[in-house]
Amino acid sequence: MQIQKDTVVTLHYKLSDAKGKLLEQSTKDQPMVYLHGGYENTLPKIEEALDGQAVGFKVTLNLEPQDAFGLRDESLARAIPKSEFPPGVKVGGQLQGRTDDGVEHVFTVMKVKGDKVLLDGNHPLAGTAVRFDLTVADVRAASDEEIAHKHVHGAHGHHH
């Protein structure tokens, strides 16, 4: 079966920075699985490269920040008084907050420094050029329910 709109694609991947340093990779037990066809379940450049391909296809994509995890937006980096947080706020924790224009957004605690908590709402790889090494492991037709919900269900997908 070829990868096309409304197919579920299972990938093995390696994600590296532009210098080749491995940042993340799938495992045999934890592949990347997504619903193909513009559902924003993976990066558009990945979908573009895989469209029309089949099991066994391999590709290396070198992506600039704007095509990967975005450019850094310094307005999403904040210093908030520690007194505004519950006790026990820890580095690496994620908090729901609002951007300057009032949109709900997830922020990561980067540092607790004195009476300030430093937050960052950027993706950890924002501003980074990356390389994806991808191998298509499986392709199947998506179920009507997966299409309606706009994501994969079951093994390695979303569970309701």
N, C-alpha and C. Protein backbone atom coordinates (compact mmCIF):
# COMPACT_ATOMS: atom_id res chain seq x y z
N MET A 1 0.84 -1.18 0.00
CA MET A 1 0.00 0.00 0.00
C MET A 1 0.89 1.25 0.00
N GLN A 2 0.47 2.23 -0.76
CA GLN A 2 1.22 3.49 -0.81
C GLN A 2 0.70 4.47 0.23
N ILE A 3 1.61 5.32 0.69
CA ILE A 3 1.25 6.37 1.63
C ILE A 3 0.46 7.42 0.88
N GLN A 4 -0.74 7.69 1.37
CA GLN A 4 -1.61 8.72 0.80
C GLN A 4 -2.52 9.23 1.90
N LYS A 5 -3.34 10.21 1.58
CA LYS A 5 -4.25 10.77 2.57
C LYS A 5 -5.07 9.65 3.22
N ASP A 6 -5.22 9.76 4.53
CA ASP A 6 -6.00 8.80 5.32
C ASP A 6 -5.37 7.42 5.41
N THR A 7 -4.03 7.37 5.41
CA THR A 7 -3.32 6.14 5.74
C THR A 7 -2.58 6.36 7.06
N VAL A 8 -2.39 5.26 7.79
CA VAL A 8 -1.63 5.30 9.03
C VAL A 8 -0.22 4.82 8.69
N VAL A 9 0.77 5.64 9.01
CA VAL A 9 2.15 5.36 8.66
C VAL A 9 2.94 5.07 9.93
N THR A 10 3.69 3.97 9.91
CA THR A 10 4.59 3.63 11.01
C THR A 10 6.01 3.83 10.52
N LEU A 11 6.78 4.62 11.28
CA LEU A 11 8.15 4.98 10.90
C LEU A 11 9.13 4.62 12.00
N HIS A 12 10.33 4.27 11.56
CA HIS A 12 11.48 4.25 12.46
C HIS A 12 12.28 5.49 12.09
N TYR A 13 12.78 6.19 13.09
CA TYR A 13 13.47 7.44 12.79
C TYR A 13 14.66 7.65 13.72
N LYS A 14 15.57 8.47 13.21
CA LYS A 14 16.65 9.03 14.02
C LYS A 14 16.59 10.53 13.78
N LEU A 15 16.64 11.29 14.86
CA LEU A 15 16.64 12.74 14.79
C LEU A 15 17.99 13.22 15.30
N SER A 16 18.69 13.96 14.45
CA SER A 16 20.01 14.49 14.80
C SER A 16 20.03 15.98 14.56
N ASP A 17 21.00 16.65 15.22
CA ASP A 17 21.18 18.07 14.91
C ASP A 17 21.98 18.16 13.60
N ALA A 18 22.20 19.37 13.12
CA ALA A 18 22.86 19.57 11.83
C ALA A 18 24.30 19.04 11.82
N LYS A 19 24.91 18.90 13.00
CA LYS A 19 26.28 18.38 13.09
C LYS A 19 26.32 16.86 13.20
N GLY A 20 25.14 16.22 13.24
CA GLY A 20 25.09 14.78 13.30
C GLY A 20 24.95 14.19 14.69
N LYS A 21 24.83 15.03 15.73
CA LYS A 21 24.66 14.54 17.10
C LYS A 21 23.24 13.98 17.25
N LEU A 22 23.14 12.71 17.65
CA LEU A 22 21.84 12.06 17.82
C LEU A 22 21.08 12.72 18.96
N LEU A 23 19.85 13.16 18.69
CA LEU A 23 19.00 13.81 19.69
C LEU A 23 17.92 12.87 20.21
N GLU A 24 17.43 12.01 19.32
CA GLU A 24 16.32 11.13 19.67
C GLU A 24 16.19 10.08 18.58
N GLN A 25 15.70 8.90 18.97
CA GLN A 25 15.40 7.90 17.95
C GLN A 25 14.28 6.99 18.42
N SER A 26 13.59 6.43 17.45
CA SER A 26 12.54 5.48 17.78
C SER A 26 13.19 4.16 18.18
N THR A 27 12.40 3.32 18.83
CA THR A 27 12.86 1.97 19.13
C THR A 27 11.93 1.00 18.43
N LYS A 28 12.32 -0.25 18.41
CA LYS A 28 11.48 -1.26 17.77
C LYS A 28 10.10 -1.28 18.42
N ASP A 29 10.07 -1.10 19.75
CA ASP A 29 8.80 -1.14 20.50
C ASP A 29 8.06 0.20 20.48
N GLN A 30 8.74 1.28 20.14
CA GLN A 30 8.14 2.61 20.16
C GLN A 30 8.41 3.35 18.84
N PRO A 31 7.82 2.89 17.73
CA PRO A 31 7.99 3.62 16.48
C PRO A 31 7.16 4.89 16.48
N MET A 32 7.36 5.72 15.50
CA MET A 32 6.50 6.89 15.29
C MET A 32 5.35 6.44 14.41
N VAL A 33 4.12 6.73 14.83
CA VAL A 33 2.93 6.35 14.07
C VAL A 33 2.07 7.60 13.91
N TYR A 34 1.68 7.90 12.69
CA TYR A 34 0.86 9.10 12.47
C TYR A 34 -0.17 8.89 11.37
N LEU A 35 -1.19 9.73 11.38
CA LEU A 35 -2.23 9.74 10.35
C LEU A 35 -1.79 10.72 9.27
N HIS A 36 -1.59 10.19 8.06
CA HIS A 36 -1.07 10.98 6.95
C HIS A 36 -2.20 11.74 6.25
N GLY A 37 -1.90 12.97 5.84
CA GLY A 37 -2.86 13.69 5.03
C GLY A 37 -3.22 15.06 5.53
N GLY A 38 -2.29 15.75 6.17
CA GLY A 38 -2.56 17.13 6.57
C GLY A 38 -3.27 17.27 7.90
N TYR A 39 -3.16 16.26 8.77
CA TYR A 39 -3.82 16.32 10.08
C TYR A 39 -2.93 16.91 11.16
N GLU A 40 -1.77 17.42 10.77
CA GLU A 40 -0.80 18.04 11.69
C GLU A 40 -0.33 17.06 12.76
N ASN A 41 -0.19 15.76 12.37
CA ASN A 41 0.33 14.75 13.28
C ASN A 41 1.83 14.60 13.16
N THR A 42 2.43 15.20 12.14
CA THR A 42 3.88 15.24 11.97
C THR A 42 4.22 16.49 11.17
N LEU A 43 5.49 16.71 10.93
CA LEU A 43 5.92 17.90 10.20
C LEU A 43 5.50 17.82 8.74
N PRO A 44 5.05 18.94 8.15
CA PRO A 44 4.64 18.94 6.74
C PRO A 44 5.72 18.42 5.80
N LYS A 45 6.99 18.73 6.05
CA LYS A 45 8.08 18.27 5.17
C LYS A 45 8.24 16.75 5.23
N ILE A 46 7.92 16.14 6.37
CA ILE A 46 7.96 14.68 6.47
C ILE A 46 6.84 14.10 5.62
N GLU A 47 5.63 14.63 5.75
CA GLU A 47 4.51 14.14 4.94
C GLU A 47 4.82 14.30 3.45
N GLU A 48 5.37 15.45 3.08
CA GLU A 48 5.68 15.72 1.68
C GLU A 48 6.67 14.68 1.14
N ALA A 49 7.70 14.35 1.91
CA ALA A 49 8.72 13.40 1.47
C ALA A 49 8.19 11.97 1.38
N LEU A 50 7.20 11.63 2.22
CA LEU A 50 6.69 10.25 2.27
C LEU A 50 5.48 10.01 1.36
N ASP A 51 4.83 11.06 0.92
CA ASP A 51 3.62 10.90 0.10
C ASP A 51 3.91 10.05 -1.13
N GLY A 52 3.11 8.99 -1.33
CA GLY A 52 3.26 8.12 -2.49
C GLY A 52 4.26 6.99 -2.29
N GLN A 53 4.95 6.96 -1.15
CA GLN A 53 5.95 5.92 -0.90
C GLN A 53 5.31 4.70 -0.25
N ALA A 54 6.12 3.64 -0.02
CA ALA A 54 5.61 2.39 0.52
C ALA A 54 6.57 1.84 1.57
N VAL A 55 6.18 0.72 2.18
CA VAL A 55 7.01 0.05 3.20
C VAL A 55 8.42 -0.18 2.64
N GLY A 56 9.42 0.12 3.46
CA GLY A 56 10.81 -0.06 3.07
C GLY A 56 11.47 1.21 2.58
N PHE A 57 10.68 2.23 2.23
CA PHE A 57 11.24 3.48 1.74
C PHE A 57 12.08 4.14 2.83
N LYS A 58 13.26 4.62 2.44
CA LYS A 58 14.16 5.32 3.37
C LYS A 58 14.49 6.68 2.80
N VAL A 59 14.57 7.67 3.68
CA VAL A 59 14.91 9.01 3.25
C VAL A 59 15.60 9.76 4.39
N THR A 60 16.49 10.66 4.02
CA THR A 60 17.12 11.56 4.98
C THR A 60 16.66 12.97 4.63
N LEU A 61 16.12 13.67 5.62
CA LEU A 61 15.66 15.05 5.42
C LEU A 61 16.50 15.98 6.27
N ASN A 62 17.08 16.98 5.65
CA ASN A 62 17.79 18.03 6.38
C ASN A 62 16.86 19.23 6.40
N LEU A 63 16.40 19.60 7.59
CA LEU A 63 15.39 20.65 7.73
C LEU A 63 15.93 21.85 8.47
N GLU A 64 15.67 23.01 7.91
CA GLU A 64 15.98 24.27 8.58
C GLU A 64 14.95 24.49 9.69
N PRO A 65 15.27 25.32 10.67
CA PRO A 65 14.36 25.50 11.81
C PRO A 65 12.92 25.80 11.42
N GLN A 66 12.70 26.64 10.43
CA GLN A 66 11.33 27.02 10.06
C GLN A 66 10.55 25.84 9.49
N ASP A 67 11.24 24.80 8.99
CA ASP A 67 10.57 23.62 8.46
C ASP A 67 10.53 22.47 9.47
N ALA A 68 11.15 22.68 10.62
CA ALA A 68 11.22 21.64 11.64
C ALA A 68 10.38 22.06 12.85
N PHE A 69 11.02 22.57 13.88
CA PHE A 69 10.32 22.90 15.13
C PHE A 69 10.15 24.41 15.32
N GLY A 70 10.36 25.16 14.25
CA GLY A 70 10.11 26.59 14.27
C GLY A 70 11.30 27.43 14.71
N LEU A 71 11.18 28.70 14.47
CA LEU A 71 12.18 29.66 14.93
C LEU A 71 11.88 29.99 16.39
N ARG A 72 12.90 30.37 17.13
CA ARG A 72 12.67 30.77 18.52
C ARG A 72 11.87 32.07 18.56
N ASP A 73 10.93 32.14 19.47
CA ASP A 73 10.13 33.33 19.69
C ASP A 73 10.46 33.80 21.10
N GLU A 74 11.27 34.84 21.21
CA GLU A 74 11.73 35.30 22.52
C GLU A 74 10.60 35.83 23.39
N SER A 75 9.46 36.15 22.78
CA SER A 75 8.32 36.61 23.59
C SER A 75 7.73 35.46 24.41
N LEU A 76 8.13 34.22 24.10
CA LEU A 76 7.65 33.06 24.85
C LEU A 76 8.59 32.68 26.00
N ALA A 77 9.67 33.46 26.18
CA ALA A 77 10.58 33.26 27.32
C ALA A 77 10.20 34.30 28.37
N ARG A 78 9.97 33.84 29.60
CA ARG A 78 9.46 34.73 30.64
C ARG A 78 10.15 34.51 31.97
N ALA A 79 10.20 35.53 32.77
CA ALA A 79 10.63 35.44 34.17
C ALA A 79 9.42 35.87 35.00
N ILE A 80 8.92 34.95 35.82
CA ILE A 80 7.72 35.18 36.62
C ILE A 80 8.11 35.09 38.10
N PRO A 81 7.55 35.95 38.94
CA PRO A 81 7.86 35.85 40.37
C PRO A 81 7.51 34.46 40.92
N LYS A 82 8.43 33.89 41.68
CA LYS A 82 8.23 32.56 42.24
C LYS A 82 6.98 32.51 43.12
N SER A 83 6.62 33.65 43.70
CA SER A 83 5.45 33.71 44.58
C SER A 83 4.14 33.38 43.84
N GLU A 84 4.16 33.44 42.50
CA GLU A 84 2.96 33.14 41.71
C GLU A 84 2.80 31.65 41.42
N PHE A 85 3.73 30.83 41.89
CA PHE A 85 3.71 29.39 41.64
C PHE A 85 3.42 28.63 42.91
N PRO A 86 2.84 27.44 42.77
CA PRO A 86 2.64 26.60 43.96
C PRO A 86 4.01 26.14 44.49
N PRO A 87 4.09 25.77 45.75
CA PRO A 87 5.36 25.28 46.28
C PRO A 87 5.80 24.04 45.51
N GLY A 88 7.11 23.89 45.38
CA GLY A 88 7.65 22.70 44.73
C GLY A 88 7.79 22.80 43.22
N VAL A 89 7.70 24.02 42.66
CA VAL A 89 7.88 24.16 41.21
C VAL A 89 9.30 23.68 40.88
N LYS A 90 9.41 22.84 39.82
CA LYS A 90 10.69 22.21 39.50
C LYS A 90 11.06 22.43 38.03
N VAL A 91 12.37 22.48 37.79
CA VAL A 91 12.90 22.59 36.43
C VAL A 91 12.42 21.37 35.64
N GLY A 92 11.96 21.63 34.43
CA GLY A 92 11.46 20.57 33.56
C GLY A 92 9.95 20.41 33.63
N GLY A 93 9.34 20.98 34.65
CA GLY A 93 7.89 20.91 34.77
C GLY A 93 7.23 21.71 33.67
N GLN A 94 6.03 21.31 33.30
CA GLN A 94 5.29 22.04 32.27
C GLN A 94 4.02 22.60 32.87
N LEU A 95 3.74 23.83 32.49
CA LEU A 95 2.60 24.56 33.03
C LEU A 95 1.78 25.15 31.90
N GLN A 96 0.48 25.16 32.09
CA GLN A 96 -0.41 25.82 31.14
C GLN A 96 -0.43 27.30 31.47
N GLY A 97 -0.26 28.13 30.47
CA GLY A 97 -0.30 29.58 30.67
C GLY A 97 -0.91 30.25 29.45
N ARG A 98 -0.70 31.54 29.34
CA ARG A 98 -1.21 32.29 28.19
C ARG A 98 -0.10 33.13 27.58
N THR A 99 -0.14 33.23 26.27
CA THR A 99 0.80 34.09 25.56
C THR A 99 0.38 35.54 25.76
N ASP A 100 1.19 36.47 25.26
CA ASP A 100 0.88 37.89 25.41
C ASP A 100 -0.47 38.27 24.79
N ASP A 101 -0.90 37.51 23.77
CA ASP A 101 -2.19 37.81 23.14
C ASP A 101 -3.33 36.95 23.69
N GLY A 102 -3.08 36.27 24.83
CA GLY A 102 -4.15 35.57 25.53
C GLY A 102 -4.42 34.14 25.10
N VAL A 103 -3.63 33.61 24.19
CA VAL A 103 -3.82 32.24 23.72
C VAL A 103 -3.22 31.25 24.72
N GLU A 104 -3.98 30.19 25.04
CA GLU A 104 -3.44 29.17 25.95
C GLU A 104 -2.23 28.51 25.32
N HIS A 105 -1.21 28.24 26.17
CA HIS A 105 0.06 27.71 25.67
C HIS A 105 0.75 26.96 26.80
N VAL A 106 1.56 25.97 26.45
CA VAL A 106 2.32 25.21 27.44
C VAL A 106 3.71 25.82 27.56
N PHE A 107 4.13 26.05 28.80
CA PHE A 107 5.45 26.59 29.09
C PHE A 107 6.23 25.58 29.91
N THR A 108 7.54 25.50 29.68
CA THR A 108 8.42 24.61 30.43
C THR A 108 9.23 25.44 31.41
N VAL A 109 9.36 24.95 32.65
CA VAL A 109 10.20 25.62 33.66
C VAL A 109 11.65 25.32 33.30
N MET A 110 12.40 26.37 32.97
CA MET A 110 13.79 26.21 32.56
C MET A 110 14.76 26.36 33.73
N LYS A 111 14.40 27.26 34.66
CA LYS A 111 15.29 27.54 35.79
C LYS A 111 14.51 28.20 36.90
N VAL A 112 14.87 27.88 38.14
CA VAL A 112 14.34 28.58 39.30
C VAL A 112 15.54 29.32 39.87
N LYS A 113 15.48 30.67 39.80
CA LYS A 113 16.64 31.49 40.16
C LYS A 113 16.20 32.54 41.17
N GLY A 114 16.59 32.34 42.42
CA GLY A 114 16.20 33.29 43.46
C GLY A 114 14.70 33.34 43.59
N ASP A 115 14.13 34.54 43.45
CA ASP A 115 12.68 34.70 43.57
C ASP A 115 11.98 34.70 42.21
N LYS A 116 12.66 34.22 41.17
CA LYS A 116 12.10 34.19 39.82
C LYS A 116 12.06 32.76 39.28
N VAL A 117 11.05 32.49 38.45
CA VAL A 117 10.96 31.23 37.72
C VAL A 117 11.06 31.59 36.23
N LEU A 118 12.04 30.98 35.54
CA LEU A 118 12.23 31.24 34.13
C LEU A 118 11.49 30.19 33.31
N LEU A 119 10.58 30.65 32.47
CA LEU A 119 9.74 29.77 31.65
C LEU A 119 10.07 29.97 30.18
N ASP A 120 9.86 28.91 29.39
CA ASP A 120 10.05 29.01 27.94
C ASP A 120 8.92 28.26 27.26
N GLY A 121 8.20 28.94 26.37
CA GLY A 121 7.10 28.33 25.63
C GLY A 121 7.50 27.84 24.26
N ASN A 122 8.79 27.94 23.92
CA ASN A 122 9.27 27.43 22.64
C ASN A 122 9.46 25.91 22.71
N HIS A 123 9.34 25.24 21.58
CA HIS A 123 9.71 23.83 21.51
C HIS A 123 11.19 23.75 21.85
N PRO A 124 11.63 22.71 22.56
CA PRO A 124 13.05 22.61 22.93
C PRO A 124 14.00 22.67 21.73
N LEU A 125 13.55 22.29 20.55
CA LEU A 125 14.41 22.32 19.36
C LEU A 125 14.12 23.52 18.46
N ALA A 126 13.33 24.48 18.92
CA ALA A 126 13.08 25.69 18.13
C ALA A 126 14.41 26.37 17.83
N GLY A 127 14.55 26.82 16.60
CA GLY A 127 15.77 27.50 16.20
C GLY A 127 16.90 26.56 15.80
N THR A 128 16.64 25.25 15.77
CA THR A 128 17.67 24.26 15.47
C THR A 128 17.42 23.60 14.12
N ALA A 129 18.46 23.56 13.28
CA ALA A 129 18.39 22.78 12.05
C ALA A 129 18.57 21.33 12.43
N VAL A 130 17.78 20.44 11.84
CA VAL A 130 17.81 19.02 12.22
C VAL A 130 17.86 18.12 10.99
N ARG A 131 18.23 16.86 11.26
CA ARG A 131 18.23 15.83 10.23
C ARG A 131 17.37 14.67 10.72
N PHE A 132 16.43 14.25 9.89
CA PHE A 132 15.62 13.06 10.15
C PHE A 132 16.06 11.97 9.19
N ASP A 133 16.39 10.80 9.73
CA ASP A 133 16.59 9.59 8.94
C ASP A 133 15.34 8.75 9.17
N LEU A 134 14.57 8.52 8.12
CA LEU A 134 13.27 7.86 8.23
C LEU A 134 13.23 6.57 7.43
N THR A 135 12.58 5.55 8.00
CA THR A 135 12.32 4.30 7.30
C THR A 135 10.86 3.94 7.51
N VAL A 136 10.14 3.73 6.42
CA VAL A 136 8.73 3.36 6.51
C VAL A 136 8.64 1.88 6.88
N ALA A 137 8.02 1.59 8.03
CA ALA A 137 7.89 0.21 8.52
C ALA A 137 6.53 -0.40 8.19
N ASP A 138 5.50 0.43 8.10
CA ASP A 138 4.16 -0.09 7.83
C ASP A 138 3.27 1.02 7.30
N VAL A 139 2.31 0.64 6.47
CA VAL A 139 1.29 1.56 5.96
C VAL A 139 -0.02 0.78 5.95
N ARG A 140 -1.07 1.38 6.48
CA ARG A 140 -2.39 0.75 6.44
C ARG A 140 -3.44 1.83 6.26
N ALA A 141 -4.61 1.41 5.83
CA ALA A 141 -5.73 2.35 5.72
C ALA A 141 -6.18 2.75 7.12
N ALA A 142 -6.48 4.02 7.30
CA ALA A 142 -7.00 4.51 8.58
C ALA A 142 -8.46 4.09 8.72
N SER A 143 -8.87 3.89 9.97
CA SER A 143 -10.28 3.58 10.22
C SER A 143 -11.10 4.86 10.11
N ASP A 144 -12.40 4.71 9.95
CA ASP A 144 -13.29 5.88 9.91
C ASP A 144 -13.17 6.68 11.20
N GLU A 145 -13.04 5.97 12.33
CA GLU A 145 -12.92 6.64 13.62
C GLU A 145 -11.62 7.45 13.70
N GLU A 146 -10.51 6.89 13.22
CA GLU A 146 -9.23 7.62 13.23
C GLU A 146 -9.34 8.88 12.37
N ILE A 147 -9.96 8.76 11.22
CA ILE A 147 -10.12 9.92 10.33
C ILE A 147 -11.00 10.97 11.01
N ALA A 148 -12.09 10.55 11.62
CA ALA A 148 -12.99 11.49 12.31
C ALA A 148 -12.29 12.19 13.47
N HIS A 149 -11.44 11.45 14.19
CA HIS A 149 -10.73 12.02 15.35
C HIS A 149 -9.42 12.69 14.96
N LYS A 150 -8.98 12.51 13.72
CA LYS A 150 -7.78 13.13 13.17
C LYS A 150 -6.49 12.67 13.83
N HIS A 151 -6.47 11.43 14.34
CA HIS A 151 -5.24 10.84 14.88
C HIS A 151 -5.38 9.32 14.93
N VAL A 152 -4.24 8.66 15.11
CA VAL A 152 -4.21 7.20 15.15
C VAL A 152 -4.68 6.69 16.50
N HIS A 153 -5.40 5.58 16.47
CA HIS A 153 -5.85 4.90 17.71
C HIS A 153 -5.08 3.58 17.83
N GLY A 154 -5.17 2.97 19.01
CA GLY A 154 -4.60 1.63 19.21
C GLY A 154 -3.13 1.66 19.53
N ALA A 155 -2.47 0.55 19.22
CA ALA A 155 -1.04 0.39 19.53
C ALA A 155 -0.25 1.56 18.96
N HIS A 156 0.52 2.21 19.78
CA HIS A 156 1.39 3.35 19.45
C HIS A 156 0.63 4.60 19.06
N GLY A 157 -0.70 4.56 19.15
CA GLY A 157 -1.51 5.73 18.84
C GLY A 157 -2.19 6.25 20.08
N HIS A 158 -3.25 6.99 19.90
CA HIS A 158 -4.00 7.61 20.99
C HIS A 158 -5.00 6.60 21.55
N HIS A 159 -5.16 6.60 22.86
CA HIS A 159 -6.15 5.74 23.49
C HIS A 159 -7.22 6.62 24.12
N HIS A 160 -8.47 6.25 23.92
CA HIS A 160 -9.57 7.02 24.52
C HIS A 160 -10.04 6.35 25.78
